[in-house]
């Protein structure tokens, strides 16, 4: 049984993450910042992660345990077939077999490896925090005497729906369904979890509806911007006509193609308007086709592999930031732009309004998937300096008051204590954490 963790006692946390890249995707960002702030509160955090391994801040109280997979999706040889000597056990065989048949194995196989790790070290932790793995292996953690808290940023069924809607032809639709087959497992696991955290009320509704999780078991703990890095800096000059956005993948969910279409409209009257995208330049797909169709090759720059400090300067140096997403479970790029003091245009997709507030308060808001509305809002803000200043000031105050990693860590630690208390002898197992 895990040791009791009182209100003042440091908590020993096993923080699990099957994907930990801190520069591409929200899971690695979450692990990096949450682990640092939990340690700053005095807790002990061991991050247990697979490739790409998390990159953690050098904070006393934070350690990394590498739990290697076969790393089948690494660059530059994704979907590779491992050499014979790389196979270690039956989990490796399951991982490669699932990949060969078009599925995505990592949530399941990481959960099985993590359970084996936790079984060997059960007395070293007070609580296990799973970062959206939702694999069958984690259901055994409570039998090991370890309370389990799980973060679901948003159900991946949302991504599946959007990709199916954009898929052309039965072969592509079949491939999408097969790839997202792991979401059935995630739903089954989620329904059996006693303590689920999520980052927004929008995601909470999706989890209840898509995964069938009891509403009382899902608590909202928003994430936030790293305000040590993302903050206004008058020394960084604004580049006239520059719009910045973040798009880690050419996925329909990110809505980048609509921003490209809006840029084409803007440049007919404002030829100096240009776009910087933090992400990879696509070589195929709708964004690539739109760039070619509108002749925007020189007006859109893609940057990748930059540090947080470089990203913050890039955001500060833009006249505007834009979030064109069709859906977001929280929207960290919006919070970061707001913290940096850059005026924002954002859609109302998913949880974005929870971060940005209503239209005209701290941003200009437009419907998702509407290039005309995006172009109109961007043009309005480019032409109105007083409006830019007012929105930027309101946005900064909103982030500092609600969306910082310090707030996230304190609230998360409260849920750890609730999970630990619920598993003590004499308490009903599976009792929901307080909301």
Protein backbone atom coordinates (compact mmCIF):
# COMPACT_ATOMS: atom_id res chain seq x y z
CA UNK A 1 0.00 0.00 0.00
CA UNK A 2 1.30 3.45 -0.84
CA UNK A 3 2.41 5.57 2.09
CA UNK A 4 -0.06 8.09 3.44
CA UNK A 5 0.47 11.63 2.13
CA UNK A 6 -0.82 14.29 4.49
CA UNK A 7 -1.46 17.90 3.62
CA UNK A 8 2.17 18.90 4.31
CA UNK A 9 3.97 15.69 3.42
CA UNK A 10 5.82 15.57 0.08
CA UNK A 11 4.17 13.19 -2.39
CA UNK A 12 6.22 10.62 -4.30
CA UNK A 13 4.81 10.70 -7.84
CA UNK A 14 5.29 8.36 -10.77
CA UNK A 15 4.36 10.49 -13.82
CA UNK A 16 3.84 8.33 -16.90
CA UNK A 17 4.09 9.58 -20.48
CA UNK A 18 4.25 7.30 -23.53
CA UNK A 19 5.27 10.27 -25.73
CA UNK A 20 7.40 12.99 -24.23
CA UNK A 21 8.61 15.30 -27.00
CA UNK A 22 8.43 18.77 -25.37
CA UNK A 23 8.51 20.65 -28.70
CA UNK A 24 5.83 18.81 -30.68
CA UNK A 25 2.49 18.00 -29.09
CA UNK A 26 0.97 18.91 -25.76
CA UNK A 27 1.83 15.77 -23.80
CA UNK A 28 5.57 16.48 -23.58
CA UNK A 29 4.93 20.12 -22.71
CA UNK A 30 2.56 19.04 -19.93
CA UNK A 31 5.06 16.59 -18.41
CA UNK A 32 7.93 19.03 -18.51
CA UNK A 33 6.18 21.97 -16.86
CA UNK A 34 4.01 20.04 -14.41
CA UNK A 35 6.96 17.99 -13.11
CA UNK A 36 9.01 21.14 -12.55
CA UNK A 37 6.27 22.97 -10.65
CA UNK A 38 5.34 19.93 -8.57
CA UNK A 39 8.99 19.64 -7.52
CA UNK A 40 9.04 23.37 -6.72
CA UNK A 41 6.21 22.66 -4.27
CA UNK A 42 8.44 20.09 -2.55
CA UNK A 43 7.16 16.86 -4.12
CA UNK A 44 9.30 14.11 -5.65
CA UNK A 45 8.54 13.37 -9.29
CA UNK A 46 9.89 10.50 -11.34
CA UNK A 47 8.87 10.77 -14.97
CA UNK A 48 8.63 7.34 -16.59
CA UNK A 49 8.62 7.83 -20.34
CA UNK A 50 9.22 6.22 -23.71
CA UNK A 51 10.65 7.58 -26.94
CA UNK A 52 10.78 10.39 -27.79
CA UNK A 53 12.00 10.75 -24.23
CA UNK A 54 10.83 13.76 -22.22
CA UNK A 55 13.22 16.66 -21.84
CA UNK A 56 12.86 17.89 -18.29
CA UNK A 57 13.97 21.07 -16.60
CA UNK A 58 16.90 20.55 -14.19
CA UNK A 59 14.80 20.94 -11.06
CA UNK A 60 15.83 19.16 -7.81
CA UNK A 61 13.21 16.51 -7.13
CA UNK A 62 12.62 15.60 -10.81
CA UNK A 63 14.17 12.47 -12.32
CA UNK A 64 13.66 10.59 -15.58
CA UNK A 65 13.31 6.83 -15.96
CA UNK A 66 13.67 5.80 -19.59
CA UNK A 67 11.37 2.92 -20.49
CA UNK A 68 12.39 2.03 -24.04
CA UNK A 69 10.03 0.83 -26.72
CA UNK A 70 11.04 -0.32 -30.20
CA UNK A 71 10.70 3.34 -31.29
CA UNK A 72 8.94 2.36 -34.50
CA UNK A 73 8.04 5.91 -35.55
CA UNK A 74 11.40 7.58 -35.11
CA UNK A 75 12.90 9.81 -37.77
CA UNK A 76 14.30 9.36 -40.35
CA UNK A 77 12.93 5.79 -40.68
CA UNK A 78 9.34 5.71 -39.34
CA UNK A 79 7.36 2.45 -39.63
CA UNK A 80 10.65 0.56 -39.64
CA UNK A 81 11.03 -3.21 -39.14
CA UNK A 82 13.39 -3.85 -36.20
CA UNK A 83 16.38 -6.12 -36.50
CA UNK A 84 16.13 -9.56 -34.88
CA UNK A 85 18.41 -8.60 -32.01
CA UNK A 86 16.17 -5.71 -30.96
CA UNK A 87 13.32 -7.93 -29.73
CA UNK A 88 13.40 -8.46 -25.97
CA UNK A 89 10.03 -9.98 -25.02
CA UNK A 90 6.43 -10.59 -26.05
CA UNK A 91 5.50 -6.91 -25.63
CA UNK A 92 7.97 -6.04 -28.40
CA UNK A 93 6.36 -8.66 -30.65
CA UNK A 94 2.91 -7.21 -29.90
CA UNK A 95 4.17 -3.71 -30.70
CA UNK A 96 5.63 -4.55 -34.10
CA UNK A 97 2.73 -6.85 -35.01
CA UNK A 98 0.21 -4.08 -34.36
CA UNK A 99 2.26 -1.64 -36.44
CA UNK A 100 2.53 -4.15 -39.32
CA UNK A 101 -1.28 -4.43 -39.42
CA UNK A 102 -1.83 -0.66 -39.55
CA UNK A 103 -2.57 -0.02 -35.87
CA UNK A 104 -0.93 2.30 -33.36
CA UNK A 105 0.47 0.15 -30.53
CA UNK A 106 2.24 2.59 -28.21
CA UNK A 107 -0.51 3.33 -25.65
CA UNK A 108 -1.06 -0.38 -25.00
CA UNK A 109 2.56 -1.52 -25.05
CA UNK A 110 3.78 1.38 -22.92
CA UNK A 111 1.07 0.64 -20.35
CA UNK A 112 2.22 -2.99 -20.13
CA UNK A 113 5.85 -1.99 -19.66
CA UNK A 114 4.87 0.68 -17.11
CA UNK A 115 2.85 -1.84 -15.09
CA UNK A 116 5.85 -4.16 -14.98
CA UNK A 117 8.04 -1.27 -13.80
CA UNK A 118 5.56 -0.22 -11.12
CA UNK A 119 5.10 -3.78 -9.87
CA UNK A 120 8.84 -4.02 -9.21
CA UNK A 121 8.93 -0.65 -7.44
CA UNK A 122 5.51 -0.32 -5.84
CA UNK A 123 6.84 0.89 -2.48
CA UNK A 124 8.74 3.81 -4.04
CA UNK A 125 5.63 5.84 -4.96
CA UNK A 126 2.54 7.27 -3.30
CA UNK A 127 0.56 7.87 -6.48
CA UNK A 128 0.71 7.14 -10.21
CA UNK A 129 -0.24 9.90 -12.65
CA UNK A 130 -0.89 8.66 -16.18
CA UNK A 131 -0.63 11.27 -18.93
CA UNK A 132 -3.26 10.02 -21.42
CA UNK A 133 -1.85 6.54 -22.04
CA UNK A 134 -5.14 4.88 -21.07
CA UNK A 135 -3.75 1.40 -21.73
CA UNK A 136 -5.00 -1.85 -20.25
CA UNK A 137 -1.78 -2.34 -18.28
CA UNK A 138 -2.56 0.60 -16.02
CA UNK A 139 -5.74 -0.94 -14.67
CA UNK A 140 -3.56 -3.15 -12.48
CA UNK A 141 -1.92 -0.26 -10.63
CA UNK A 142 -4.59 -0.18 -7.93
CA UNK A 143 -4.09 -3.89 -7.29
CA UNK A 144 -0.49 -2.96 -6.59
CA UNK A 145 -1.73 -0.59 -3.87
CA UNK A 146 -1.01 2.53 -5.93
CA UNK A 147 -3.71 5.17 -6.41
CA UNK A 148 -4.07 6.18 -10.06
CA UNK A 149 -4.82 9.68 -11.39
CA UNK A 150 -5.16 10.07 -15.15
CA UNK A 151 -5.05 13.19 -17.30
CA UNK A 152 -7.05 13.09 -20.53
CA UNK A 153 -6.26 16.26 -22.47
CA UNK A 154 -9.09 15.43 -24.84
CA UNK A 155 -10.43 12.12 -26.16
CA UNK A 156 -8.55 11.14 -29.34
CA UNK A 157 -11.92 10.14 -30.78
CA UNK A 158 -12.23 13.84 -31.69
CA UNK A 159 -9.13 13.58 -33.91
CA UNK A 160 -10.51 10.37 -35.38
CA UNK A 161 -13.80 12.02 -36.37
CA UNK A 162 -12.10 14.98 -38.01
CA UNK A 163 -9.64 12.81 -39.95
CA UNK A 164 -12.42 10.51 -41.13
CA UNK A 165 -14.41 13.52 -42.32
CA UNK A 166 -11.40 14.71 -44.33
CA UNK A 167 -10.44 11.25 -45.67
CA UNK A 168 -11.01 10.62 -49.38
CA UNK A 169 -11.78 7.10 -50.59
CA UNK A 170 -12.56 3.90 -48.76
CA UNK A 171 -8.90 2.86 -48.46
CA UNK A 172 -7.97 6.04 -46.63
CA UNK A 173 -11.03 5.79 -44.36
CA UNK A 174 -10.15 2.17 -43.54
CA UNK A 175 -6.57 3.17 -42.72
CA UNK A 176 -7.78 5.95 -40.40
CA UNK A 177 -10.16 3.59 -38.58
CA UNK A 178 -7.43 0.99 -38.15
CA UNK A 179 -4.86 3.52 -36.92
CA UNK A 180 -7.29 4.88 -34.33
CA UNK A 181 -8.34 1.41 -33.17
CA UNK A 182 -6.59 2.08 -29.85
CA UNK A 183 -9.34 4.58 -28.94
CA UNK A 184 -11.67 1.65 -28.16
CA UNK A 185 -9.20 0.52 -25.50
CA UNK A 186 -8.87 4.05 -24.18
CA UNK A 187 -12.62 4.35 -23.78
CA UNK A 188 -12.88 1.02 -21.92
CA UNK A 189 -10.03 2.00 -19.59
CA UNK A 190 -11.35 5.52 -19.01
CA UNK A 191 -14.72 4.18 -17.85
CA UNK A 192 -12.98 2.22 -15.09
CA UNK A 193 -10.83 5.05 -13.77
CA UNK A 194 -11.70 6.61 -10.41
CA UNK A 195 -9.83 9.92 -10.82
CA UNK A 196 -9.72 11.68 -14.20
CA UNK A 197 -8.32 15.16 -14.74
CA UNK A 198 -8.79 17.22 -17.86
CA UNK A 199 -7.78 20.68 -18.96
CA UNK A 200 -11.08 22.34 -19.85
CA UNK A 201 -14.83 22.08 -19.49
CA UNK A 202 -15.05 21.43 -23.23
CA UNK A 203 -12.77 18.40 -22.92
CA UNK A 204 -14.75 17.25 -19.89
CA UNK A 205 -17.94 17.17 -21.97
CA UNK A 206 -16.17 15.26 -24.76
CA UNK A 207 -14.79 12.69 -22.28
CA UNK A 208 -18.22 12.11 -20.77
CA UNK A 209 -19.89 11.85 -24.20
CA UNK A 210 -17.24 9.96 -26.20
CA UNK A 211 -15.76 7.70 -23.53
CA UNK A 212 -18.84 7.31 -21.33
CA UNK A 213 -16.99 8.30 -18.15
CA UNK A 214 -19.19 9.19 -15.18
CA UNK A 215 -19.37 12.97 -14.99
CA UNK A 216 -18.59 13.05 -11.26
CA UNK A 217 -15.24 11.35 -11.88
CA UNK A 218 -13.86 14.06 -14.19
CA UNK A 219 -12.31 17.19 -12.70
CA UNK A 220 -11.04 20.23 -14.63
CA UNK A 221 -7.50 21.45 -13.91
CA UNK A 222 -6.46 23.98 -16.57
CA UNK A 223 -2.87 24.14 -17.77
CA UNK A 224 -1.05 27.37 -18.51
CA UNK A 225 1.74 29.34 -20.10
CA UNK A 226 5.30 29.35 -18.81
CA UNK A 227 5.29 32.99 -17.75
CA UNK A 228 9.01 32.88 -16.93
CA UNK A 229 9.56 32.76 -20.71
CA UNK A 230 6.35 34.09 -22.26
CA UNK A 231 5.95 37.66 -21.10
CA UNK A 232 5.94 41.08 -22.80
CA UNK A 233 9.32 42.50 -23.78
CA UNK A 234 9.27 46.00 -25.29
CA UNK A 235 12.87 45.47 -26.48
CA UNK A 236 11.65 43.02 -29.13
CA UNK A 237 10.44 45.01 -32.16
CA UNK A 238 7.20 44.10 -33.92
CA UNK A 239 7.56 43.09 -37.57
CA UNK A 240 4.89 44.92 -39.60
CA UNK A 241 2.35 42.58 -41.18
CA UNK A 242 3.63 39.45 -39.44
CA UNK A 243 1.17 36.83 -38.21
CA UNK A 244 2.42 33.85 -36.20
CA UNK A 245 0.72 30.50 -35.59
CA UNK A 246 1.65 27.08 -34.25
CA UNK A 247 0.78 23.94 -36.19
CA UNK A 248 2.71 20.84 -35.15
CA UNK A 249 1.16 18.67 -37.89
CA UNK A 250 -0.78 19.07 -41.14
CA UNK A 251 -3.91 17.65 -39.53
CA UNK A 252 -7.46 18.85 -40.27
CA UNK A 253 -7.94 19.58 -36.56
CA UNK A 254 -5.38 22.42 -36.66
CA UNK A 255 -7.21 24.37 -39.39
CA UNK A 256 -4.02 25.72 -40.95
CA UNK A 257 -5.44 25.49 -44.45
CA UNK A 258 -8.12 28.05 -43.51
CA UNK A 259 -5.47 30.47 -42.25
CA UNK A 260 -3.55 30.08 -45.51
CA UNK A 261 -6.74 30.91 -47.43
CA UNK A 262 -7.31 33.93 -45.17
CA UNK A 263 -3.75 35.11 -45.80
CA UNK A 264 -4.33 34.98 -49.55
CA UNK A 265 -7.35 37.27 -49.10
CA UNK A 266 -5.45 39.67 -46.83
CA UNK A 267 -2.55 40.05 -49.25
CA UNK A 268 -4.80 41.38 -52.00
CA UNK A 269 -5.07 44.64 -49.98
CA UNK A 270 -2.08 44.32 -47.61
CA UNK A 271 0.80 42.83 -49.64
CA UNK A 272 3.24 43.04 -46.72
CA UNK A 273 1.15 40.61 -44.65
CA UNK A 274 2.97 37.32 -44.12
CA UNK A 275 2.73 34.23 -41.94
CA UNK A 276 5.25 32.39 -39.77
CA UNK A 277 4.20 28.83 -38.86
CA UNK A 278 5.90 27.05 -35.97
CA UNK A 279 5.97 23.52 -37.38
CA UNK A 280 7.04 21.45 -40.36
CA UNK A 281 6.40 22.59 -43.92
CA UNK A 282 4.10 19.96 -45.49
CA UNK A 283 5.18 18.50 -48.83
CA UNK A 284 1.76 17.01 -49.62
CA UNK A 285 -1.82 17.50 -48.45
CA UNK A 286 -4.28 20.40 -48.27
CA UNK A 287 -1.91 23.02 -46.81
CA UNK A 288 0.76 22.30 -49.44
CA UNK A 289 -1.86 22.45 -52.18
CA UNK A 290 -3.23 25.76 -50.88
CA UNK A 291 0.24 27.31 -50.76
CA UNK A 292 0.80 26.27 -54.37
CA UNK A 293 -2.65 27.36 -55.53
CA UNK A 294 -2.36 30.87 -54.06
CA UNK A 295 1.33 31.32 -54.84
CA UNK A 296 2.19 31.93 -51.18
CA UNK A 297 5.51 30.10 -51.05
CA UNK A 298 7.48 33.22 -50.09
CA UNK A 299 4.76 34.68 -47.87
CA UNK A 300 4.64 31.69 -45.49
CA UNK A 301 7.69 30.65 -43.49
CA UNK A 302 7.89 27.43 -41.47
CA UNK A 303 10.26 27.19 -38.50
CA UNK A 304 11.00 24.19 -36.32
CA UNK A 305 13.44 23.03 -33.67
CA UNK A 306 13.55 26.38 -31.87
CA UNK A 307 13.95 26.86 -28.14
CA UNK A 308 11.25 28.25 -25.87
CA UNK A 309 13.13 31.56 -25.67
CA UNK A 310 13.31 31.76 -29.47
CA UNK A 311 9.62 30.90 -29.74
CA UNK A 312 8.73 33.60 -27.21
CA UNK A 313 10.70 36.19 -29.19
CA UNK A 314 9.04 35.03 -32.40
CA UNK A 315 5.60 35.48 -30.85
CA UNK A 316 6.51 38.87 -29.34
CA UNK A 317 7.86 40.05 -32.67
CA UNK A 318 4.63 39.38 -34.57
CA UNK A 319 1.92 41.98 -34.95
CA UNK A 320 -0.69 39.28 -34.43
CA UNK A 321 -0.97 35.68 -33.29
CA UNK A 322 -3.61 33.38 -34.73
CA UNK A 323 -5.17 30.09 -33.64
CA UNK A 324 -7.19 28.71 -36.59
CA UNK A 325 -7.94 25.30 -35.05
CA UNK A 326 -11.20 23.48 -35.62
CA UNK A 327 -10.87 21.98 -32.14
CA UNK A 328 -8.55 22.28 -29.14
CA UNK A 329 -8.75 20.52 -25.82
CA UNK A 330 -7.16 23.56 -24.17
CA UNK A 331 -4.93 25.60 -26.57
CA UNK A 332 -1.54 26.33 -25.08
CA UNK A 333 -0.38 28.45 -28.06
CA UNK A 334 -3.22 30.87 -27.34
CA UNK A 335 -2.22 31.17 -23.68
CA UNK A 336 1.43 31.68 -24.64
CA UNK A 337 0.60 34.43 -27.12
CA UNK A 338 -1.60 36.13 -24.54
CA UNK A 339 1.16 35.90 -21.93
CA UNK A 340 3.68 37.38 -24.39
CA UNK A 341 1.45 40.38 -25.01
CA UNK A 342 0.73 39.64 -28.66
CA UNK A 343 -2.81 40.46 -29.89
CA UNK A 344 -4.73 37.33 -30.82
CA UNK A 345 -7.31 36.16 -33.34
CA UNK A 346 -8.69 32.72 -32.52
CA UNK A 347 -11.54 30.45 -33.46
CA UNK A 348 -14.22 29.22 -31.08
CA UNK A 349 -13.30 25.56 -31.65
CA UNK A 350 -13.46 23.30 -28.59
CA UNK A 351 -12.00 24.85 -25.45
CA UNK A 352 -10.39 27.88 -27.08
CA UNK A 353 -13.00 30.34 -25.71
CA UNK A 354 -12.33 29.06 -22.20
CA UNK A 355 -8.75 30.26 -22.60
CA UNK A 356 -9.30 33.44 -24.61
CA UNK A 357 -12.63 34.63 -23.25
CA UNK A 358 -15.48 36.01 -25.37
CA UNK A 359 -15.04 37.91 -28.62
CA UNK A 360 -13.72 41.42 -28.09
CA UNK A 361 -12.63 40.94 -24.49
CA UNK A 362 -9.08 39.57 -24.81
CA UNK A 363 -9.09 38.46 -28.47
CA UNK A 364 -11.12 38.59 -31.65
CA UNK A 365 -13.04 35.31 -32.01
CA UNK A 366 -14.33 33.74 -35.24
CA UNK A 367 -16.14 30.49 -36.12
CA UNK A 368 -13.85 27.52 -36.88
CA UNK A 369 -13.32 26.64 -40.53
CA UNK A 370 -14.32 30.11 -41.82
CA UNK A 371 -11.49 31.66 -43.88
CA UNK A 372 -13.56 34.75 -44.68
CA UNK A 373 -14.16 35.48 -40.99
CA UNK A 374 -10.48 34.86 -40.19
CA UNK A 375 -9.38 37.30 -42.89
CA UNK A 376 -11.85 39.96 -41.70
CA UNK A 377 -10.75 39.70 -38.04
CA UNK A 378 -7.05 39.70 -38.89
CA UNK A 379 -7.49 42.68 -41.18
CA UNK A 380 -9.46 44.59 -38.57
CA UNK A 381 -6.78 44.04 -35.94
CA UNK A 382 -3.91 44.88 -38.30
CA UNK A 383 -5.59 48.23 -39.02
CA UNK A 384 -6.43 49.20 -35.40
CA UNK A 385 -3.45 49.82 -33.10
CA UNK A 386 -5.54 50.93 -30.06
CA UNK A 387 -7.60 47.74 -30.32
CA UNK A 388 -4.43 45.66 -30.44
CA UNK A 389 -3.13 47.34 -27.29
CA UNK A 390 -6.41 46.91 -25.40
CA UNK A 391 -6.78 43.22 -26.28
CA UNK A 392 -3.16 42.45 -25.46
CA UNK A 393 -3.41 44.04 -22.00
CA UNK A 394 -6.65 42.20 -21.20
CA UNK A 395 -5.18 38.92 -22.44
CA UNK A 396 -2.08 39.22 -20.26
CA UNK A 397 -4.18 39.87 -17.16
CA UNK A 398 -6.41 36.89 -17.98
CA UNK A 399 -3.47 34.48 -18.26
CA UNK A 400 -1.72 35.67 -15.10
CA UNK A 401 -4.94 35.30 -13.12
CA UNK A 402 -5.98 31.85 -14.39
CA UNK A 403 -3.53 29.96 -16.58
CA UNK A 404 -0.07 29.40 -15.11
CA UNK A 405 1.75 26.15 -14.36
CA UNK A 406 1.95 27.09 -10.68
CA UNK A 407 -1.87 27.04 -10.53
CA UNK A 408 -1.87 23.70 -12.35
CA UNK A 409 0.62 22.06 -9.99
CA UNK A 410 -1.16 23.13 -6.81
CA UNK A 411 -4.55 21.89 -8.03
CA UNK A 412 -3.05 18.61 -9.31
CA UNK A 413 -1.38 17.93 -5.96
CA UNK A 414 -4.76 18.38 -4.25
CA UNK A 415 -6.19 15.65 -6.50
CA UNK A 416 -3.26 13.36 -5.69
CA UNK A 417 -4.08 13.68 -1.99
CA UNK A 418 -7.75 12.95 -2.67
CA UNK A 419 -6.83 9.80 -4.63
CA UNK A 420 -4.48 8.62 -1.88
CA UNK A 421 -7.12 9.23 0.79
CA UNK A 422 -9.74 7.36 -1.24
CA UNK A 423 -7.59 4.23 -1.30
CA UNK A 424 -6.96 4.05 2.41
CA UNK A 425 -8.52 1.09 4.24
CA UNK A 426 -12.13 1.80 5.19
CA UNK A 427 -12.75 4.15 2.24
CA UNK A 428 -14.85 3.17 -0.77
CA UNK A 429 -12.62 2.40 -3.71
CA UNK A 430 -13.36 4.35 -6.84
CA UNK A 431 -14.85 7.31 -4.93
CA UNK A 432 -14.62 10.33 -7.19
CA UNK A 433 -12.14 13.07 -6.46
CA UNK A 434 -13.69 16.38 -5.48
CA UNK A 435 -14.30 18.79 -8.36
